[in-house]
Amino acid sequence: WFGLSAFLLGFAGLSLSLSANWAYAYVSPYIGNINPLLLDANFRDPAWGLLGQGFLEAYLLGAAGYMIFAVSILIAEEFPWWVGLVMLISMPMAGLLSIDVNSVWAIVLNAIMAAGPIACGIALWRMGE
């Protein structure tokens, strides 16, 4: 139950972050015409806009869920140890990097965040062979 609830928490957080990215790409031009302050996603500025707060909450929820899921992977020993280690390290490392949202480095941030779920998928694929 611990692993299932952690997975669902992480999945919900990453699904919300995908929704926030979609909203930033397709809804933000319309919101920007109404009120540009709602779009402020500068994480270095304490007065974030609504979309910036949505990004932060979604990423934190996803990171917390996947870190707890990584702990459950290490405890249960059903997956290889490196899967839990990659998941446990990649999320805090992505959170500690101070990367500007509108830069090319955001691609690196997303690749680091995806390393844990990709490692889990690779392990599941190898287990099915």
Protein backbone atom coordinates (compact mmCIF):
# COMPACT_ATOMS: atom_id res chain seq x y z
CA TRP A 1 0.00 0.00 0.00
CA PHE A 2 2.90 2.31 0.74
CA GLY A 3 4.35 1.93 -2.75
CA LEU A 4 0.98 2.19 -4.49
CA SER A 5 0.02 5.37 -2.66
CA ALA A 6 3.46 6.87 -3.34
CA PHE A 7 3.18 6.01 -7.03
CA LEU A 8 -0.29 7.53 -7.27
CA LEU A 9 0.92 10.69 -5.52
CA GLY A 10 3.87 11.01 -7.90
CA PHE A 11 1.74 10.23 -10.94
CA ALA A 12 -0.80 12.86 -9.91
CA GLY A 13 1.93 15.45 -9.42
CA LEU A 14 3.58 14.77 -12.75
CA SER A 15 0.19 14.76 -14.47
CA LEU A 16 -0.54 18.15 -12.95
CA SER A 17 2.84 19.47 -14.10
CA LEU A 18 2.06 18.25 -17.62
CA SER A 19 -1.24 20.10 -17.38
CA ALA A 20 0.56 23.23 -16.20
CA ASN A 21 2.99 22.98 -19.14
CA TRP A 22 0.05 22.60 -21.54
CA ALA A 23 -1.68 25.60 -20.01
CA TYR A 24 1.52 27.63 -20.28
CA ALA A 25 1.85 26.77 -23.96
CA TYR A 26 -1.74 27.11 -25.14
CA VAL A 27 -3.71 29.15 -22.61
CA SER A 28 -1.11 31.71 -21.56
CA PRO A 29 -1.43 33.96 -24.64
CA TYR A 30 -5.10 34.50 -23.84
CA ILE A 31 -4.47 35.02 -20.14
CA GLY A 32 -1.62 37.39 -20.94
CA ASN A 33 -3.98 39.65 -22.84
CA ILE A 34 -6.30 39.83 -19.84
CA ASN A 35 -3.75 40.16 -17.01
CA PRO A 36 -0.01 39.65 -17.59
CA LEU A 37 0.67 39.35 -13.84
CA LEU A 38 -1.06 35.97 -13.79
CA LEU A 39 1.63 34.56 -16.08
CA ASP A 40 4.66 35.51 -14.01
CA ALA A 41 6.54 32.21 -13.68
CA ASN A 42 9.85 33.62 -12.48
CA PHE A 43 10.78 31.28 -9.64
CA ARG A 44 13.43 33.68 -8.37
CA ASP A 45 10.81 36.36 -7.72
CA PRO A 46 8.75 35.79 -4.55
CA ALA A 47 5.67 37.42 -6.11
CA TRP A 48 4.86 34.70 -8.63
CA GLY A 49 1.82 34.72 -10.77
CA LEU A 50 -0.91 32.13 -10.65
CA LEU A 51 0.72 29.93 -13.30
CA GLY A 52 4.09 30.02 -11.52
CA GLN A 53 2.47 28.85 -8.31
CA GLY A 54 0.72 26.06 -10.19
CA PHE A 55 4.04 24.91 -11.64
CA LEU A 56 5.69 24.88 -8.25
CA GLU A 57 2.92 22.99 -6.48
CA ALA A 58 2.64 20.39 -9.24
CA TYR A 59 6.39 19.78 -9.37
CA LEU A 60 6.66 19.55 -5.58
CA LEU A 61 3.80 17.06 -5.40
CA GLY A 62 5.32 14.94 -8.15
CA ALA A 63 8.80 15.07 -6.65
CA ALA A 64 7.56 14.11 -3.20
CA GLY A 65 5.53 11.22 -4.57
CA TYR A 66 8.36 9.83 -6.66
CA MET A 67 10.86 10.19 -3.83
CA ILE A 68 8.54 8.24 -1.52
CA PHE A 69 8.03 5.71 -4.33
CA ALA A 70 11.82 5.39 -4.65
CA VAL A 71 12.06 4.63 -0.94
CA SER A 72 9.38 1.95 -1.32
CA ILE A 73 11.33 0.46 -4.26
CA LEU A 74 14.47 0.28 -2.14
CA ILE A 75 12.57 -1.27 0.79
CA ALA A 76 10.64 -3.86 -1.25
CA GLU A 77 13.66 -4.95 -3.32
CA GLU A 78 11.39 -5.94 -6.23
CA PHE A 79 13.26 -3.70 -8.66
CA PRO A 80 17.01 -3.42 -9.13
CA TRP A 81 18.66 -1.11 -6.59
CA TRP A 82 19.76 1.38 -9.25
CA VAL A 83 16.14 2.20 -10.15
CA GLY A 84 15.36 3.38 -6.64
CA LEU A 85 18.65 5.25 -6.45
CA VAL A 86 18.08 7.09 -9.74
CA MET A 87 14.54 8.01 -8.70
CA LEU A 88 15.69 9.11 -5.26
CA ILE A 89 18.49 11.31 -6.61
CA SER A 90 16.95 12.77 -9.77
CA MET A 91 13.99 14.57 -8.21
CA PRO A 92 15.86 16.52 -5.50
CA MET A 93 18.66 17.28 -7.95
CA ALA A 94 16.15 18.78 -10.37
CA GLY A 95 14.62 20.78 -7.54
CA LEU A 96 17.94 22.14 -6.34
CA LEU A 97 18.99 23.39 -9.75
CA SER A 98 18.10 27.03 -10.14
CA ILE A 99 17.13 26.94 -13.78
CA ASP A 100 15.21 29.70 -15.46
CA VAL A 101 11.92 28.43 -16.86
CA ASN A 102 12.25 30.24 -20.18
CA SER A 103 15.74 29.06 -21.05
CA VAL A 104 17.26 26.10 -22.85
CA TRP A 105 18.27 24.71 -19.47
CA ALA A 106 14.62 23.89 -18.81
CA ILE A 107 15.12 20.95 -21.21
CA VAL A 108 17.92 19.69 -18.97
CA LEU A 109 15.68 20.05 -15.92
CA ASN A 110 12.94 18.00 -17.56
CA ALA A 111 15.45 15.33 -18.62
CA ILE A 112 16.71 15.03 -15.04
CA MET A 113 13.16 14.81 -13.73
CA ALA A 114 12.34 12.11 -16.27
CA ALA A 115 15.37 9.98 -15.38
CA GLY A 116 13.58 8.24 -12.50
CA PRO A 117 10.43 7.18 -14.34
CA ILE A 118 12.53 6.18 -17.37
CA ALA A 119 14.73 4.00 -15.15
CA CYS A 120 11.60 2.38 -13.74
CA GLY A 121 10.32 1.71 -17.26
CA ILE A 122 13.65 0.20 -18.35
CA ALA A 123 13.64 -2.12 -15.33
CA LEU A 124 10.06 -3.21 -16.07
CA TRP A 125 10.96 -3.82 -19.70
CA ARG A 126 13.93 -5.97 -18.73
CA MET A 127 11.84 -7.92 -16.23
CA GLY A 128 9.39 -8.79 -19.01
CA GLU A 129 12.06 -10.32 -21.25
